[in-house]
Amino acid sequence: MRGIVTTLLASDEVPQENRLGFAAGERIAGLSTGAGVRLVGVLTSEADCEFSEAQARIRAGAAIPL
């Protein structure tokens, strides 16, 4: 599936790390980025991210268009 800009915000260093472990998360990350997904972690709480109608802003500085 291509054509939709996708960004994944997560609280884990790699996707699903808490549930499946780091190695599986690395594999998921590789498959996701290979399909064009932008991965952004490690958010420690909902307070790490602010949302508006146009973008999500991560307190670390990155602005992600919605």
N, C-alpha and C. Protein backbone atom coordinates (compact mmCIF):
# COMPACT_ATOMS: atom_id res chain seq x y z
N MET A 1 0.84 -1.17 0.00
CA MET A 1 0.00 0.00 0.00
C MET A 1 0.89 1.23 0.00
N ARG A 2 0.71 2.07 -0.96
CA ARG A 2 1.51 3.27 -1.08
C ARG A 2 0.60 4.45 -1.41
N GLY A 3 1.08 5.64 -1.11
CA GLY A 3 0.35 6.82 -1.49
C GLY A 3 -0.19 7.63 -0.33
N ILE A 4 -0.28 7.07 0.85
CA ILE A 4 -0.76 7.80 2.01
C ILE A 4 0.43 8.06 2.92
N VAL A 5 0.69 9.33 3.22
CA VAL A 5 1.78 9.68 4.12
C VAL A 5 1.37 9.25 5.52
N THR A 6 2.19 8.42 6.15
CA THR A 6 1.86 7.86 7.46
C THR A 6 3.02 8.06 8.42
N THR A 7 2.69 8.55 9.62
CA THR A 7 3.67 8.69 10.69
C THR A 7 3.14 7.97 11.91
N LEU A 8 3.96 7.14 12.51
CA LEU A 8 3.58 6.40 13.71
C LEU A 8 4.29 7.01 14.91
N LEU A 9 3.51 7.53 15.85
CA LEU A 9 4.05 8.04 17.11
C LEU A 9 3.92 6.93 18.14
N ALA A 10 4.98 6.66 18.86
CA ALA A 10 4.93 5.54 19.80
C ALA A 10 5.70 5.84 21.08
N SER A 11 5.36 5.12 22.12
CA SER A 11 6.07 5.27 23.39
C SER A 11 7.21 4.27 23.51
N ASP A 12 7.35 3.38 22.56
CA ASP A 12 8.44 2.40 22.56
C ASP A 12 9.54 2.84 21.61
N GLU A 13 10.75 2.34 21.83
CA GLU A 13 11.85 2.64 20.92
C GLU A 13 11.58 2.07 19.53
N VAL A 14 10.98 0.90 19.48
CA VAL A 14 10.55 0.28 18.23
C VAL A 14 9.09 -0.14 18.41
N PRO A 15 8.31 -0.25 17.32
CA PRO A 15 6.89 -0.60 17.44
C PRO A 15 6.69 -1.93 18.18
N GLN A 16 5.71 -1.97 19.06
CA GLN A 16 5.29 -3.18 19.78
C GLN A 16 6.37 -3.78 20.68
N GLU A 17 7.37 -2.97 21.05
CA GLU A 17 8.47 -3.50 21.88
C GLU A 17 7.96 -4.04 23.22
N ASN A 18 7.08 -3.33 23.88
CA ASN A 18 6.57 -3.81 25.17
C ASN A 18 5.85 -5.14 25.05
N ARG A 19 5.15 -5.33 23.97
CA ARG A 19 4.34 -6.54 23.79
C ARG A 19 5.13 -7.71 23.21
N LEU A 20 5.99 -7.44 22.21
CA LEU A 20 6.63 -8.52 21.47
C LEU A 20 8.14 -8.62 21.67
N GLY A 21 8.73 -7.59 22.27
CA GLY A 21 10.18 -7.58 22.46
C GLY A 21 10.88 -6.75 21.41
N PHE A 22 12.14 -6.41 21.71
CA PHE A 22 12.90 -5.51 20.84
C PHE A 22 13.15 -6.09 19.45
N ALA A 23 13.54 -7.36 19.37
CA ALA A 23 13.87 -7.96 18.07
C ALA A 23 12.67 -7.96 17.14
N ALA A 24 11.50 -8.32 17.64
CA ALA A 24 10.29 -8.31 16.81
C ALA A 24 9.93 -6.88 16.43
N GLY A 25 10.12 -5.95 17.37
CA GLY A 25 9.85 -4.54 17.08
C GLY A 25 10.76 -4.00 15.99
N GLU A 26 12.02 -4.41 16.00
CA GLU A 26 12.94 -4.00 14.92
C GLU A 26 12.46 -4.51 13.57
N ARG A 27 11.98 -5.73 13.54
CA ARG A 27 11.47 -6.31 12.29
C ARG A 27 10.25 -5.53 11.80
N ILE A 28 9.34 -5.23 12.71
CA ILE A 28 8.15 -4.44 12.36
C ILE A 28 8.57 -3.06 11.87
N ALA A 29 9.55 -2.45 12.54
CA ALA A 29 10.03 -1.14 12.12
C ALA A 29 10.60 -1.19 10.71
N GLY A 30 11.38 -2.23 10.42
CA GLY A 30 11.94 -2.38 9.07
C GLY A 30 10.88 -2.55 8.01
N LEU A 31 9.88 -3.36 8.29
CA LEU A 31 8.78 -3.55 7.34
C LEU A 31 8.00 -2.25 7.14
N SER A 32 7.78 -1.53 8.24
CA SER A 32 7.02 -0.29 8.18
C SER A 32 7.76 0.79 7.40
N THR A 33 9.03 1.00 7.74
CA THR A 33 9.79 2.03 7.03
C THR A 33 10.00 1.65 5.58
N GLY A 34 10.11 0.36 5.30
CA GLY A 34 10.22 -0.10 3.92
C GLY A 34 8.98 0.22 3.10
N ALA A 35 7.85 0.33 3.77
CA ALA A 35 6.60 0.67 3.10
C ALA A 35 6.35 2.18 3.12
N GLY A 36 7.31 2.95 3.65
CA GLY A 36 7.20 4.40 3.62
C GLY A 36 6.66 5.05 4.88
N VAL A 37 6.49 4.28 5.94
CA VAL A 37 5.99 4.83 7.21
C VAL A 37 7.13 5.53 7.93
N ARG A 38 6.85 6.72 8.46
CA ARG A 38 7.83 7.44 9.28
C ARG A 38 7.56 7.07 10.73
N LEU A 39 8.59 6.58 11.43
CA LEU A 39 8.45 6.18 12.83
C LEU A 39 9.01 7.27 13.73
N VAL A 40 8.25 7.64 14.76
CA VAL A 40 8.70 8.62 15.74
C VAL A 40 8.47 8.03 17.12
N GLY A 41 9.47 7.78 17.89
CA GLY A 41 9.41 7.32 19.27
C GLY A 41 10.55 8.02 19.95
N VAL A 42 10.69 8.06 21.06
CA VAL A 42 10.08 7.50 22.22
C VAL A 42 9.30 8.61 22.91
N LEU A 43 7.99 8.56 22.88
CA LEU A 43 7.16 9.49 23.63
C LEU A 43 6.89 8.85 24.98
N THR A 44 7.08 9.59 26.04
CA THR A 44 6.91 9.00 27.37
C THR A 44 5.51 9.19 27.92
N SER A 45 4.76 10.12 27.37
CA SER A 45 3.39 10.33 27.83
C SER A 45 2.63 11.14 26.80
N GLU A 46 1.31 11.25 26.98
CA GLU A 46 0.52 12.08 26.08
C GLU A 46 0.97 13.53 26.14
N ALA A 47 1.57 13.95 27.25
CA ALA A 47 2.03 15.32 27.41
C ALA A 47 3.20 15.64 26.48
N ASP A 48 3.84 14.63 25.90
CA ASP A 48 4.96 14.85 24.99
C ASP A 48 4.51 15.35 23.62
N CYS A 49 3.23 15.36 23.36
CA CYS A 49 2.73 15.69 22.03
C CYS A 49 1.52 16.62 22.14
N GLU A 50 1.50 17.66 21.31
CA GLU A 50 0.37 18.59 21.23
C GLU A 50 -0.25 18.45 19.84
N PHE A 51 -1.57 18.45 19.76
CA PHE A 51 -2.26 18.31 18.49
C PHE A 51 -3.03 19.58 18.15
N SER A 52 -3.04 19.94 16.87
CA SER A 52 -3.90 20.99 16.35
C SER A 52 -4.61 20.41 15.13
N GLU A 53 -5.40 21.23 14.45
CA GLU A 53 -6.10 20.72 13.26
C GLU A 53 -5.14 20.40 12.13
N ALA A 54 -3.97 21.04 12.12
CA ALA A 54 -3.06 20.89 11.00
C ALA A 54 -1.85 20.02 11.27
N GLN A 55 -1.48 19.85 12.55
CA GLN A 55 -0.25 19.12 12.82
C GLN A 55 -0.21 18.58 14.24
N ALA A 56 0.68 17.65 14.44
CA ALA A 56 1.04 17.18 15.78
C ALA A 56 2.44 17.73 16.04
N ARG A 57 2.66 18.30 17.18
CA ARG A 57 3.99 18.82 17.52
C ARG A 57 4.52 18.03 18.70
N ILE A 58 5.66 17.42 18.48
CA ILE A 58 6.33 16.66 19.53
C ILE A 58 7.17 17.65 20.31
N ARG A 59 7.12 17.57 21.61
CA ARG A 59 7.83 18.55 22.45
C ARG A 59 9.34 18.56 22.16
N ALA A 60 9.86 17.46 21.62
CA ALA A 60 11.29 17.43 21.26
C ALA A 60 11.57 18.34 20.07
N GLY A 61 10.50 18.83 19.39
CA GLY A 61 10.70 19.81 18.34
C GLY A 61 10.12 19.48 16.98
N ALA A 62 9.92 18.23 16.65
CA ALA A 62 9.43 17.89 15.31
C ALA A 62 7.96 18.24 15.17
N ALA A 63 7.60 18.82 14.05
CA ALA A 63 6.19 19.09 13.72
C ALA A 63 5.79 18.12 12.62
N ILE A 64 4.70 17.42 12.81
CA ILE A 64 4.25 16.41 11.86
C ILE A 64 2.91 16.85 11.27
N PRO A 65 2.83 17.11 9.96
CA PRO A 65 1.56 17.50 9.35
C PRO A 65 0.53 16.41 9.48
N LEU A 66 -0.73 16.80 9.71
CA LEU A 66 -1.81 15.83 9.79
C LEU A 66 -2.62 15.84 8.50
